Amino acid sequence: MTTIREVAEKAGVSATTVSHVVNKTRFVSEDVCERVKAAMRDLNYRPNSLARSLRRGETHTLGLILPDSANPFFAEVGHAIESAAFGRGYSVILCNTENDQNKERLYTEVLENKQVDGIIFVGAGENRESISEIVRDGLPLVVVDRDMGSLDLDTVTTDNHQGGMLATQHLLALGHRVIACISGPSNITPSAERVTGYQDALKQAGIALQPALEARGDFHAPSGYSAALVLLALSPRPTAIFVCNDMMAIGALRAAAQLGLRIPEDVAVVGFDDIELALYTTPPLSTIAQPKQEIGKLAVQLILERMGSVLLQPRRCVLPTRLVIRASSTRS
């Protein structure tokens, strides 16, 4: 491997001059620049980009912590973040915590040891310990899809309450009055906000809340399947179900089919997220769309701005949701 000293010797300059040409850290005459570049070409010299970045205090690498990369929503958001970062000249190191807070803390340490320039963080629940460690160590941070309450952080979230209301209002407009809800884990705010949106839409319609019509899942399809079996055994049986993510909604579709119920004639189903798979279920799933591409672009924009200035005031960005109507809630 050619060294910088060999380039300097061939060009008839010092190694320091070669370094200035490579890193553009000082003015070097055009004649000398051309001699150095010619020597680099002749010797097939390739600068060590990692070493150069470390000398500048940069690695052009971001860390991305996700709670469940097997969940299509997080996979699609992660893809959007990676694409946006790549377009800005940054690589992304993905860490999947599997909703394990011990793995979350470990990966936080790993990313700091890798000297990433910043971390985009989707927490396993809303434990603030890992985030507090990142903030304490002074590493630029953006939190996605989680509400950290009083912590002054850059965050990108969607209006989950609005989404819950949109889904329920859609079902009410179709004439449904016995509308069930399958929520997600109790330890994250997006799930709670979606349920509150569902409840507020019912209240505005003058419909009393029935705790028996609310079941809890874990954002995975099997839990949606199990919860739907319980709800669809009620008397009177709900004629519609709002499910707080698409994977659980897919489980609910299977439960209804197993019971011999027609969708949407016997029971309508609306999910949340608008993952790509929602278009290919039987029937295609009505859902609340989260702007995943915009989430990714905005998260990268905020982390790069935060890396450029620690003096910026924390930004809290809340993106709107929208209703996507497909055959699971209304006939085409």
C-alpha atoms as a PDB file:
ATOM      1  CA  MET A   1       0.000   0.000   0.000  1.00  0.00           C
ATOM      2  CA  THR A   2       1.402   3.362  -1.069  1.00  0.00           C
ATOM      3  CA  THR A   3       2.152   5.755   1.794  1.00  0.00           C
ATOM      4  CA  ILE A   4       1.849   9.512   1.939  1.00  0.00           C
ATOM      5  CA  ARG A   5       5.638   9.745   2.257  1.00  0.00           C
ATOM      6  CA  GLU A   6       6.118   7.891  -1.030  1.00  0.00           C
ATOM      7  CA  VAL A   7       3.755  10.336  -2.728  1.00  0.00           C
ATOM      8  CA  ALA A   8       5.673  13.249  -1.204  1.00  0.00           C
ATOM      9  CA  GLU A   9       9.005  11.868  -2.395  1.00  0.00           C
ATOM     10  CA  LYS A  10       7.755  11.370  -5.976  1.00  0.00           C
ATOM     11  CA  ALA A  11       6.221  14.842  -6.082  1.00  0.00           C
ATOM     12  CA  GLY A  12       9.283  16.453  -4.523  1.00  0.00           C
ATOM     13  CA  VAL A  13       7.359  17.974  -1.620  1.00  0.00           C
ATOM     14  CA  SER A  14       6.910  17.298   2.094  1.00  0.00           C
ATOM     15  CA  ALA A  15       4.398  14.832   3.507  1.00  0.00           C
ATOM     16  CA  THR A  16       2.699  17.795   5.183  1.00  0.00           C
ATOM     17  CA  THR A  17       2.123  19.428   1.795  1.00  0.00           C
ATOM     18  CA  VAL A  18       0.582  16.220   0.459  1.00  0.00           C
ATOM     19  CA  SER A  19      -1.724  16.171   3.497  1.00  0.00           C
ATOM     20  CA  HIS A  20      -2.805  19.756   2.840  1.00  0.00           C
ATOM     21  CA  VAL A  21      -3.592  18.908  -0.789  1.00  0.00           C
ATOM     22  CA  VAL A  22      -5.627  15.841   0.208  1.00  0.00           C
ATOM     23  CA  ASN A  23      -7.511  17.506   3.062  1.00  0.00           C
ATOM     24  CA  LYS A  24      -7.696  21.028   1.582  1.00  0.00           C
ATOM     25  CA  THR A  25      -6.587  22.443   4.901  1.00  0.00           C
ATOM     26  CA  ARG A  26      -4.191  25.118   3.555  1.00  0.00           C
ATOM     27  CA  PHE A  27      -3.534  26.976   0.334  1.00  0.00           C
ATOM     28  CA  VAL A  28      -1.140  25.139  -1.967  1.00  0.00           C
ATOM     29  CA  SER A  29      -0.123  26.553  -5.349  1.00  0.00           C
ATOM     30  CA  GLU A  30      -1.733  25.121  -8.457  1.00  0.00           C
ATOM     31  CA  ASP A  31       1.590  23.833  -9.759  1.00  0.00           C
ATOM     32  CA  VAL A  32       2.345  21.933  -6.552  1.00  0.00           C
ATOM     33  CA  CYS A  33      -1.231  20.587  -6.388  1.00  0.00           C
ATOM     34  CA  GLU A  34      -0.906  19.163  -9.882  1.00  0.00           C
ATOM     35  CA  ARG A  35       2.434  17.501  -9.041  1.00  0.00           C
ATOM     36  CA  VAL A  36       0.952  15.904  -5.936  1.00  0.00           C
ATOM     37  CA  LYS A  37      -2.166  14.715  -7.767  1.00  0.00           C
ATOM     38  CA  ALA A  38      -0.045  13.286 -10.590  1.00  0.00           C
ATOM     39  CA  ALA A  39       2.087  11.393  -8.064  1.00  0.00           C
ATOM     40  CA  MET A  40      -1.053  10.045  -6.383  1.00  0.00           C
ATOM     41  CA  ARG A  41      -2.374   8.801  -9.723  1.00  0.00           C
ATOM     42  CA  ASP A  42       0.951   7.234 -10.716  1.00  0.00           C
ATOM     43  CA  LEU A  43       1.304   5.436  -7.397  1.00  0.00           C
ATOM     44  CA  ASN A  44      -2.425   4.571  -7.146  1.00  0.00           C
ATOM     45  CA  TYR A  45      -2.550   6.284  -3.742  1.00  0.00           C
ATOM     46  CA  ARG A  46      -5.898   6.193  -1.901  1.00  0.00           C
ATOM     47  CA  PRO A  47      -6.227   8.422   1.180  1.00  0.00           C
ATOM     48  CA  ASN A  48      -7.405   6.687   4.343  1.00  0.00           C
ATOM     49  CA  SER A  49     -10.812   8.322   4.610  1.00  0.00           C
ATOM     50  CA  LEU A  50     -11.499   6.950   8.117  1.00  0.00           C
ATOM     51  CA  ALA A  51      -8.226   8.273   9.519  1.00  0.00           C
ATOM     52  CA  ARG A  52      -8.837  11.613   7.830  1.00  0.00           C
ATOM     53  CA  SER A  53     -12.332  11.804   9.268  1.00  0.00           C
ATOM     54  CA  LEU A  54     -11.132  10.974  12.766  1.00  0.00           C
ATOM     55  CA  ARG A  55      -8.518  13.729  12.584  1.00  0.00           C
ATOM     56  CA  ARG A  56     -11.344  16.114  11.744  1.00  0.00           C
ATOM     57  CA  GLY A  57     -13.494  14.698  14.525  1.00  0.00           C
ATOM     58  CA  GLU A  58     -15.985  13.200  12.038  1.00  0.00           C
ATOM     59  CA  THR A  59     -16.718   9.705  10.712  1.00  0.00           C
ATOM     60  CA  HIS A  60     -19.652  10.569   8.400  1.00  0.00           C
ATOM     61  CA  THR A  61     -21.499   7.744  10.110  1.00  0.00           C
ATOM     62  CA  LEU A  62     -24.833   7.840  11.946  1.00  0.00           C
ATOM     63  CA  GLY A  63     -26.195   5.325  14.410  1.00  0.00           C
ATOM     64  CA  LEU A  64     -29.808   4.162  14.083  1.00  0.00           C
ATOM     65  CA  ILE A  65     -31.402   2.360  17.026  1.00  0.00           C
ATOM     66  CA  LEU A  66     -34.681   0.567  16.229  1.00  0.00           C
ATOM     67  CA  PRO A  67     -36.837  -1.447  18.655  1.00  0.00           C
ATOM     68  CA  ASP A  68     -37.950  -4.118  16.169  1.00  0.00           C
ATOM     69  CA  SER A  69     -36.505  -4.262  12.650  1.00  0.00           C
ATOM     70  CA  ALA A  70     -38.851  -7.196  11.877  1.00  0.00           C
ATOM     71  CA  ASN A  71     -41.821  -4.832  12.214  1.00  0.00           C
ATOM     72  CA  PRO A  72     -42.450  -3.533   8.666  1.00  0.00           C
ATOM     73  CA  PHE A  73     -43.188  -0.020   9.932  1.00  0.00           C
ATOM     74  CA  PHE A  74     -39.765   0.323  11.557  1.00  0.00           C
ATOM     75  CA  ALA A  75     -38.106  -1.410   8.607  1.00  0.00           C
ATOM     76  CA  GLU A  76     -39.670   1.113   6.228  1.00  0.00           C
ATOM     77  CA  VAL A  77     -38.771   4.083   8.445  1.00  0.00           C
ATOM     78  CA  GLY A  78     -35.228   2.710   8.772  1.00  0.00           C
ATOM     79  CA  HIS A  79     -34.974   2.424   4.989  1.00  0.00           C
ATOM     80  CA  ALA A  80     -36.155   6.029   4.618  1.00  0.00           C
ATOM     81  CA  ILE A  81     -33.548   7.211   7.139  1.00  0.00           C
ATOM     82  CA  GLU A  82     -30.755   5.239   5.454  1.00  0.00           C
ATOM     83  CA  SER A  83     -31.687   6.586   2.017  1.00  0.00           C
ATOM     84  CA  ALA A  84     -31.831  10.181   3.257  1.00  0.00           C
ATOM     85  CA  ALA A  85     -28.507   9.823   5.083  1.00  0.00           C
ATOM     86  CA  PHE A  86     -26.790   8.217   2.086  1.00  0.00           C
ATOM     87  CA  GLY A  87     -27.971  11.094  -0.061  1.00  0.00           C
ATOM     88  CA  ARG A  88     -26.219  13.480   2.331  1.00  0.00           C
ATOM     89  CA  GLY A  89     -22.967  11.502   2.313  1.00  0.00           C
ATOM     90  CA  TYR A  90     -23.479   9.523   5.538  1.00  0.00           C
ATOM     91  CA  SER A  91     -23.431   5.807   6.249  1.00  0.00           C
ATOM     92  CA  VAL A  92     -25.799   4.286   8.829  1.00  0.00           C
ATOM     93  CA  ILE A  93     -25.078   1.623  11.451  1.00  0.00           C
ATOM     94  CA  LEU A  94     -28.337  -0.160  12.325  1.00  0.00           C
ATOM     95  CA  CYS A  95     -28.868  -1.576  15.809  1.00  0.00           C
ATOM     96  CA  ASN A  96     -31.986  -3.678  16.512  1.00  0.00           C
ATOM     97  CA  THR A  97     -32.812  -3.840  20.226  1.00  0.00           C
ATOM     98  CA  GLU A  98     -35.721  -6.313  19.947  1.00  0.00           C
ATOM     99  CA  ASN A  99     -37.508  -4.126  22.521  1.00  0.00           C
ATOM    100  CA  ASP A 100     -34.863  -5.091  25.083  1.00  0.00           C
ATOM    101  CA  GLN A 101     -33.714  -2.125  27.153  1.00  0.00           C
ATOM    102  CA  ASN A 102     -30.476  -3.906  28.128  1.00  0.00           C
ATOM    103  CA  LYS A 103     -29.597  -4.322  24.446  1.00  0.00           C
ATOM    104  CA  GLU A 104     -30.577  -0.694  23.950  1.00  0.00           C
ATOM    105  CA  ARG A 105     -28.021   0.479  26.526  1.00  0.00           C
ATOM    106  CA  LEU A 106     -25.356  -1.834  25.110  1.00  0.00           C
ATOM    107  CA  TYR A 107     -25.896  -0.608  21.560  1.00  0.00           C
ATOM    108  CA  THR A 108     -25.735   2.980  22.748  1.00  0.00           C
ATOM    109  CA  GLU A 109     -22.259   2.281  24.137  1.00  0.00           C
ATOM    110  CA  VAL A 110     -21.231   0.445  20.964  1.00  0.00           C
ATOM    111  CA  LEU A 111     -22.248   3.369  18.760  1.00  0.00           C
ATOM    112  CA  GLU A 112     -20.387   5.844  20.948  1.00  0.00           C
ATOM    113  CA  ASN A 113     -17.279   3.646  20.808  1.00  0.00           C
ATOM    114  CA  LYS A 114     -17.626   3.538  17.015  1.00  0.00           C
ATOM    115  CA  GLN A 115     -17.455   7.352  17.166  1.00  0.00           C
ATOM    116  CA  VAL A 116     -20.608   7.914  15.137  1.00  0.00           C
ATOM    117  CA  ASP A 117     -21.378  11.568  14.488  1.00  0.00           C
ATOM    118  CA  GLY A 118     -24.929  11.301  15.841  1.00  0.00           C
ATOM    119  CA  ILE A 119     -27.705   8.870  16.780  1.00  0.00           C
ATOM    120  CA  ILE A 120     -31.279   8.596  15.519  1.00  0.00           C
ATOM    121  CA  PHE A 121     -33.146   6.797  18.266  1.00  0.00           C
ATOM    122  CA  VAL A 122     -36.430   4.864  18.435  1.00  0.00           C
ATOM    123  CA  GLY A 123     -36.631   3.541  21.980  1.00  0.00           C
ATOM    124  CA  ALA A 124     -37.719   0.203  23.382  1.00  0.00           C
ATOM    125  CA  GLY A 125     -40.592   1.681  25.357  1.00  0.00           C
ATOM    126  CA  GLU A 126     -39.919   5.116  26.770  1.00  0.00           C
ATOM    127  CA  ASN A 127     -37.213   4.465  29.309  1.00  0.00           C
ATOM    128  CA  ARG A 128     -35.096   7.616  29.448  1.00  0.00           C
ATOM    129  CA  GLU A 129     -31.923   6.015  30.790  1.00  0.00           C
ATOM    130  CA  SER A 130     -30.262   5.347  27.420  1.00  0.00           C
ATOM    131  CA  ILE A 131     -31.286   8.734  26.062  1.00  0.00           C
ATOM    132  CA  SER A 132     -29.995  10.501  29.160  1.00  0.00           C
ATOM    133  CA  GLU A 133     -26.621   8.790  28.723  1.00  0.00           C
ATOM    134  CA  ILE A 134     -26.382   9.962  25.105  1.00  0.00           C
ATOM    135  CA  VAL A 135     -27.300  13.520  26.068  1.00  0.00           C
ATOM    136  CA  ARG A 136     -24.859  13.486  28.992  1.00  0.00           C
ATOM    137  CA  ASP A 137     -22.045  12.381  26.679  1.00  0.00           C
ATOM    138  CA  GLY A 138     -22.802  15.266  24.321  1.00  0.00           C
ATOM    139  CA  LEU A 139     -23.576  13.165  21.246  1.00  0.00           C
ATOM    140  CA  PRO A 140     -26.091  14.730  18.806  1.00  0.00           C
ATOM    141  CA  LEU A 141     -29.429  12.922  19.084  1.00  0.00           C
ATOM    142  CA  VAL A 142     -32.826  12.858  17.388  1.00  0.00           C
ATOM    143  CA  VAL A 143     -35.674  10.778  18.838  1.00  0.00           C
ATOM    144  CA  VAL A 144     -38.249   9.336  16.413  1.00  0.00           C
ATOM    145  CA  ASP A 145     -41.752   7.992  17.189  1.00  0.00           C
ATOM    146  CA  ARG A 146     -41.401   8.501  20.921  1.00  0.00           C
ATOM    147  CA  ASP A 147     -42.491  11.326  23.228  1.00  0.00           C
ATOM    148  CA  MET A 148     -39.816  12.037  25.802  1.00  0.00           C
ATOM    149  CA  GLY A 149     -41.989  14.452  27.754  1.00  0.00           C
ATOM    150  CA  SER A 150     -40.019  17.132  29.530  1.00  0.00           C
ATOM    151  CA  LEU A 151     -36.643  16.206  28.024  1.00  0.00           C
ATOM    152  CA  ASP A 152     -35.415  18.966  25.693  1.00  0.00           C
ATOM    153  CA  LEU A 153     -34.637  16.941  22.582  1.00  0.00           C
ATOM    154  CA  ASP A 154     -35.113  17.056  18.836  1.00  0.00           C
ATOM    155  CA  THR A 155     -38.047  14.726  18.117  1.00  0.00           C
ATOM    156  CA  VAL A 156     -39.989  13.574  15.055  1.00  0.00           C
ATOM    157  CA  THR A 157     -43.405  12.067  15.764  1.00  0.00           C
ATOM    158  CA  THR A 158     -46.766  11.770  14.032  1.00  0.00           C
ATOM    159  CA  ASP A 159     -50.138  12.955  15.265  1.00  0.00           C
ATOM    160  CA  ASN A 160     -51.295   9.630  16.674  1.00  0.00           C
ATOM    161  CA  HIS A 161     -54.345  11.140  18.359  1.00  0.00           C
ATOM    162  CA  GLN A 162     -55.487  12.582  15.035  1.00  0.00           C
ATOM    163  CA  GLY A 163     -54.973   9.180  13.396  1.00  0.00           C
ATOM    164  CA  GLY A 164     -57.091   7.416  16.001  1.00  0.00           C
ATOM    165  CA  MET A 165     -59.859   9.939  15.477  1.00  0.00           C
ATOM    166  CA  LEU A 166     -59.693   9.689  11.666  1.00  0.00           C
ATOM    167  CA  ALA A 167     -60.026   5.893  11.768  1.00  0.00           C
ATOM    168  CA  THR A 168     -62.955   5.955  14.188  1.00  0.00           C
ATOM    169  CA  GLN A 169     -64.749   8.815  12.452  1.00  0.00           C
ATOM    170  CA  HIS A 170     -64.482   6.890   9.186  1.00  0.00           C
ATOM    171  CA  LEU A 171     -66.141   3.861  10.786  1.00  0.00           C
ATOM    172  CA  LEU A 172     -68.819   6.045  12.375  1.00  0.00           C
ATOM    173  CA  ALA A 173     -69.549   7.645   9.004  1.00  0.00           C
ATOM    174  CA  LEU A 174     -70.159   4.162   7.598  1.00  0.00           C
ATOM    175  CA  GLY A 175     -72.894   3.663  10.204  1.00  0.00           C
ATOM    176  CA  HIS A 176     -71.018   1.532  12.739  1.00  0.00           C
ATOM    177  CA  ARG A 177     -71.921   2.091  16.377  1.00  0.00           C
ATOM    178  CA  VAL A 178     -70.338  -0.918  18.114  1.00  0.00           C
ATOM    179  CA  ILE A 179     -66.689  -0.250  17.345  1.00  0.00           C
ATOM    180  CA  ALA A 180     -63.940  -2.180  19.117  1.00  0.00           C
ATOM    181  CA  CYS A 181     -60.294  -1.213  19.500  1.00  0.00           C
ATOM    182  CA  ILE A 182     -57.104  -3.280  19.722  1.00  0.00           C
ATOM    183  CA  SER A 183     -54.354  -1.176  21.286  1.00  0.00           C
ATOM    184  CA  GLY A 184     -50.610  -1.711  21.468  1.00  0.00           C
ATOM    185  CA  PRO A 185     -48.233  -1.898  24.450  1.00  0.00           C
ATOM    186  CA  SER A 186     -49.102   0.331  27.387  1.00  0.00           C
ATOM    187  CA  ASN A 187     -45.536   1.627  27.861  1.00  0.00           C
ATOM    188  CA  ILE A 188     -45.317   3.759  24.705  1.00  0.00           C
ATOM    189  CA  THR A 189     -47.216   6.968  24.003  1.00  0.00           C
ATOM    190  CA  PRO A 190     -48.119   6.334  20.318  1.00  0.00           C
ATOM    191  CA  SER A 191     -50.381   3.451  21.363  1.00  0.00           C
ATOM    192  CA  ALA A 192     -52.061   5.440  24.146  1.00  0.00           C
ATOM    193  CA  GLU A 193     -52.575   8.466  21.884  1.00  0.00           C
ATOM    194  CA  ARG A 194     -54.249   6.343  19.192  1.00  0.00           C
ATOM    195  CA  VAL A 195     -56.641   4.873  21.744  1.00  0.00           C
ATOM    196  CA  THR A 196     -57.429   8.339  23.094  1.00  0.00           C
ATOM    197  CA  GLY A 197     -58.235   9.451  19.548  1.00  0.00           C
ATOM    198  CA  TYR A 198     -60.603   6.476  19.206  1.00  0.00           C
ATOM    199  CA  GLN A 199     -62.279   7.296  22.521  1.00  0.00           C
ATOM    200  CA  ASP A 200     -62.628  11.009  21.749  1.00  0.00           C
ATOM    201  CA  ALA A 201     -64.250  10.284  18.384  1.00  0.00           C
ATOM    202  CA  LEU A 202     -66.834   8.042  20.082  1.00  0.00           C
ATOM    203  CA  LYS A 203     -67.529  10.667  22.743  1.00  0.00           C
ATOM    204  CA  GLN A 204     -68.040  13.363  20.109  1.00  0.00           C
ATOM    205  CA  ALA A 205     -70.548  11.047  18.403  1.00  0.00           C
ATOM    206  CA  GLY A 206     -72.420  10.612  21.690  1.00  0.00           C
ATOM    207  CA  ILE A 207     -71.477   6.943  22.050  1.00  0.00           C
ATOM    208  CA  ALA A 208     -70.639   5.701  25.534  1.00  0.00           C
ATOM    209  CA  LEU A 209     -67.270   4.015  25.984  1.00  0.00           C
ATOM    210  CA  GLN A 210     -67.380   0.294  26.737  1.00  0.00           C
ATOM    211  CA  PRO A 211     -64.196  -1.116  28.336  1.00  0.00           C
ATOM    212  CA  ALA A 212     -65.132  -4.594  27.082  1.00  0.00           C
ATOM    213  CA  LEU A 213     -64.663  -3.337  23.521  1.00  0.00           C
ATOM    214  CA  GLU A 214     -61.001  -2.494  24.149  1.00  0.00           C
ATOM    215  CA  ALA A 215     -58.351  -5.209  23.988  1.00  0.00           C
ATOM    216  CA  ARG A 216     -54.569  -4.986  24.152  1.00  0.00           C
ATOM    217  CA  GLY A 217     -51.946  -6.468  21.864  1.00  0.00           C
ATOM    218  CA  ASP A 218     -48.194  -6.093  21.429  1.00  0.00           C
ATOM    219  CA  PHE A 219     -48.006  -4.708  17.853  1.00  0.00           C
ATOM    220  CA  HIS A 220     -47.373  -8.209  16.418  1.00  0.00           C
ATOM    221  CA  ALA A 221     -49.865 -10.140  14.259  1.00  0.00           C
ATOM    222  CA  PRO A 222     -50.497 -13.060  16.688  1.00  0.00           C
ATOM    223  CA  SER A 223     -51.661 -10.669  19.404  1.00  0.00           C
ATOM    224  CA  GLY A 224     -54.073  -8.996  16.976  1.00  0.00           C
ATOM    225  CA  TYR A 225     -55.412 -12.406  16.046  1.00  0.00           C
ATOM    226  CA  SER A 226     -55.948 -13.414  19.693  1.00  0.00           C
ATOM    227  CA  ALA A 227     -57.493 -10.087  20.680  1.00  0.00           C
ATOM    228  CA  ALA A 228     -59.881 -10.155  17.717  1.00  0.00           C
ATOM    229  CA  LEU A 229     -61.080 -13.654  18.618  1.00  0.00           C
ATOM    230  CA  VAL A 230     -62.032 -12.353  22.077  1.00  0.00           C
ATOM    231  CA  LEU A 231     -63.739  -9.220  20.751  1.00  0.00           C
ATOM    232  CA  LEU A 232     -65.656 -11.054  18.021  1.00  0.00           C
ATOM    233  CA  ALA A 233     -67.063 -13.471  20.621  1.00  0.00           C
ATOM    234  CA  LEU A 234     -68.829 -10.615  22.426  1.00  0.00           C
ATOM    235  CA  SER A 235     -72.582 -10.172  22.323  1.00  0.00           C
ATOM    236  CA  PRO A 236     -73.493  -7.925  20.709  1.00  0.00           C
ATOM    237  CA  ARG A 237     -70.575  -8.518  18.383  1.00  0.00           C
ATOM    238  CA  PRO A 238     -68.709  -5.398  17.230  1.00  0.00           C
ATOM    239  CA  THR A 239     -69.341  -4.521  13.614  1.00  0.00           C
ATOM    240  CA  ALA A 240     -66.006  -2.737  13.259  1.00  0.00           C
ATOM    241  CA  ILE A 241     -62.534  -2.839  14.805  1.00  0.00           C
ATOM    242  CA  PHE A 242     -59.933  -0.078  14.882  1.00  0.00           C
ATOM    243  CA  VAL A 243     -56.527  -1.741  15.301  1.00  0.00           C
ATOM    244  CA  CYS A 244     -53.596   0.388  16.446  1.00  0.00           C
ATOM    245  CA  ASN A 245     -51.096  -0.993  13.927  1.00  0.00           C
ATOM    246  CA  ASP A 246     -51.266  -2.865  10.641  1.00  0.00           C
ATOM    247  CA  MET A 247     -49.535  -6.040  11.814  1.00  0.00           C
ATOM    248  CA  MET A 248     -52.166  -6.602  14.518  1.00  0.00           C
ATOM    249  CA  ALA A 249     -54.847  -5.705  11.965  1.00  0.00           C
ATOM    250  CA  ILE A 250     -53.559  -8.475   9.706  1.00  0.00           C
ATOM    251  CA  GLY A 251     -53.978 -10.861  12.650  1.00  0.00           C
ATOM    252  CA  ALA A 252     -57.519  -9.536  13.143  1.00  0.00           C
ATOM    253  CA  LEU A 253     -58.340 -10.190   9.480  1.00  0.00           C
ATOM    254  CA  ARG A 254     -57.269 -13.805   9.919  1.00  0.00           C
ATOM    255  CA  ALA A 255     -59.398 -14.187  13.072  1.00  0.00           C
ATOM    256  CA  ALA A 256     -62.474 -12.862  11.286  1.00  0.00           C
ATOM    257  CA  ALA A 257     -61.908 -15.181   8.327  1.00  0.00           C
ATOM    258  CA  GLN A 258     -61.472 -18.147  10.667  1.00  0.00           C
ATOM    259  CA  LEU A 259     -64.841 -17.346  12.256  1.00  0.00           C
ATOM    260  CA  GLY A 260     -66.468 -17.249   8.852  1.00  0.00           C
ATOM    261  CA  LEU A 261     -67.129 -13.511   8.974  1.00  0.00           C
ATOM    262  CA  ARG A 262     -67.159 -11.434   5.810  1.00  0.00           C
ATOM    263  CA  ILE A 263     -65.057  -8.284   5.638  1.00  0.00           C
ATOM    264  CA  PRO A 264     -66.354  -5.607   5.533  1.00  0.00           C
ATOM    265  CA  GLU A 265     -69.978  -6.853   5.428  1.00  0.00           C
ATOM    266  CA  ASP A 266     -69.902  -8.510   8.887  1.00  0.00           C
ATOM    267  CA  VAL A 267     -66.984  -6.638  10.434  1.00  0.00           C
ATOM    268  CA  ALA A 268     -64.934  -3.719   9.115  1.00  0.00           C
ATOM    269  CA  VAL A 269     -61.258  -3.394  10.028  1.00  0.00           C
ATOM    270  CA  VAL A 270     -58.994  -0.319   9.976  1.00  0.00           C
ATOM    271  CA  GLY A 271     -55.312  -0.473  10.855  1.00  0.00           C
ATOM    272  CA  PHE A 272     -52.568   2.087  11.474  1.00  0.00           C
ATOM    273  CA  ASP A 273     -49.185   2.720   9.723  1.00  0.00           C
ATOM    274  CA  ASP A 274     -49.931   1.917   6.048  1.00  0.00           C
ATOM    275  CA  ILE A 275     -47.107  -0.576   5.676  1.00  0.00           C
ATOM    276  CA  GLU A 276     -46.543  -1.829   2.137  1.00  0.00           C
ATOM    277  CA  LEU A 277     -48.102  -5.193   3.013  1.00  0.00           C
ATOM    278  CA  ALA A 278     -51.450  -3.509   3.802  1.00  0.00           C
ATOM    279  CA  LEU A 279     -52.174  -3.202   0.084  1.00  0.00           C
ATOM    280  CA  TYR A 280     -51.827  -6.959  -0.408  1.00  0.00           C
ATOM    281  CA  THR A 281     -53.972  -8.404   2.388  1.00  0.00           C
ATOM    282  CA  THR A 282     -57.325 -10.057   1.620  1.00  0.00           C
ATOM    283  CA  PRO A 283     -59.159  -7.780   1.415  1.00  0.00           C
ATOM    284  CA  PRO A 284     -56.738  -4.829   1.143  1.00  0.00           C
ATOM    285  CA  LEU A 285     -56.504  -3.091   4.507  1.00  0.00           C
ATOM    286  CA  SER A 286     -57.887   0.363   5.230  1.00  0.00           C
ATOM    287  CA  THR A 287     -55.389   2.145   7.441  1.00  0.00           C
ATOM    288  CA  ILE A 288     -54.020   5.377   8.837  1.00  0.00           C
ATOM    289  CA  ALA A 289     -50.914   6.322   6.872  1.00  0.00           C
ATOM    290  CA  GLN A 290     -47.835   7.613   8.644  1.00  0.00           C
ATOM    291  CA  PRO A 291     -45.534   9.673   6.355  1.00  0.00           C
ATOM    292  CA  LYS A 292     -42.561   7.319   6.619  1.00  0.00           C
ATOM    293  CA  GLN A 293     -40.449   8.938   3.904  1.00  0.00           C
ATOM    294  CA  GLU A 294     -40.950  12.361   5.439  1.00  0.00           C
ATOM    295  CA  ILE A 295     -40.118  10.980   8.890  1.00  0.00           C
ATOM    296  CA  GLY A 296     -36.811   9.641   7.559  1.00  0.00           C
ATOM    297  CA  LYS A 297     -35.859  12.810   5.697  1.00  0.00           C
ATOM    298  CA  LEU A 298     -36.765  15.061   8.618  1.00  0.00           C
ATOM    299  CA  ALA A 299     -34.890  12.917  11.157  1.00  0.00           C
ATOM    300  CA  VAL A 300     -31.716  13.107   9.051  1.00  0.00           C
ATOM    301  CA  GLN A 301     -32.159  16.833   8.487  1.00  0.00           C
ATOM    302  CA  LEU A 302     -32.504  17.469  12.218  1.00  0.00           C
ATOM    303  CA  ILE A 303     -29.500  15.329  13.195  1.00  0.00           C
ATOM    304  CA  LEU A 304     -27.256  17.059  10.653  1.00  0.00           C
ATOM    305  CA  GLU A 305     -28.407  20.469  11.845  1.00  0.00           C
ATOM    306  CA  ARG A 306     -27.828  19.419  15.455  1.00  0.00           C
ATOM    307  CA  MET A 307     -24.328  18.215  14.547  1.00  0.00           C
ATOM    308  CA  GLY A 308     -23.682  21.640  13.045  1.00  0.00           C
ATOM    309  CA  SER A 309     -24.784  23.570  16.118  1.00  0.00           C
ATOM    310  CA  VAL A 310     -25.389  22.476  19.696  1.00  0.00           C
ATOM    311  CA  LEU A 311     -26.894  25.911  20.380  1.00  0.00           C
ATOM    312  CA  LEU A 312     -30.075  25.281  18.392  1.00  0.00           C
ATOM    313  CA  GLN A 313     -33.276  25.203  20.408  1.00  0.00           C
ATOM    314  CA  PRO A 314     -34.804  21.679  20.556  1.00  0.00           C
ATOM    315  CA  ARG A 315     -37.277  21.060  17.733  1.00  0.00           C
ATOM    316  CA  ARG A 316     -40.468  19.011  18.240  1.00  0.00           C
ATOM    317  CA  CYS A 317     -41.886  18.037  14.856  1.00  0.00           C
ATOM    318  CA  VAL A 318     -45.357  16.442  14.722  1.00  0.00           C
ATOM    319  CA  LEU A 319     -46.382  15.228  11.263  1.00  0.00           C
ATOM    320  CA  PRO A 320     -50.031  14.716  10.217  1.00  0.00           C
ATOM    321  CA  THR A 321     -51.552  11.332   9.395  1.00  0.00           C
ATOM    322  CA  ARG A 322     -54.090  10.550   6.682  1.00  0.00           C
ATOM    323  CA  LEU A 323     -56.830   7.984   6.156  1.00  0.00           C
ATOM    324  CA  VAL A 324     -56.323   5.440   3.351  1.00  0.00           C
ATOM    325  CA  ILE A 325     -59.619   3.717   2.526  1.00  0.00           C
ATOM    326  CA  ARG A 326     -59.462   0.210   1.073  1.00  0.00           C
ATOM    327  CA  ALA A 327     -61.811  -2.766   0.898  1.00  0.00           C
ATOM    328  CA  SER A 328     -61.518  -3.877   4.548  1.00  0.00           C
ATOM    329  CA  SER A 329     -63.802  -1.057   5.655  1.00  0.00           C
ATOM    330  CA  THR A 330     -65.904  -0.208   2.626  1.00  0.00           C
ATOM    331  CA  ARG A 331     -66.909  -1.911  -0.575  1.00  0.00           C
ATOM    332  CA  SER A 332     -65.113  -0.723  -3.688  1.00  0.00           C
END
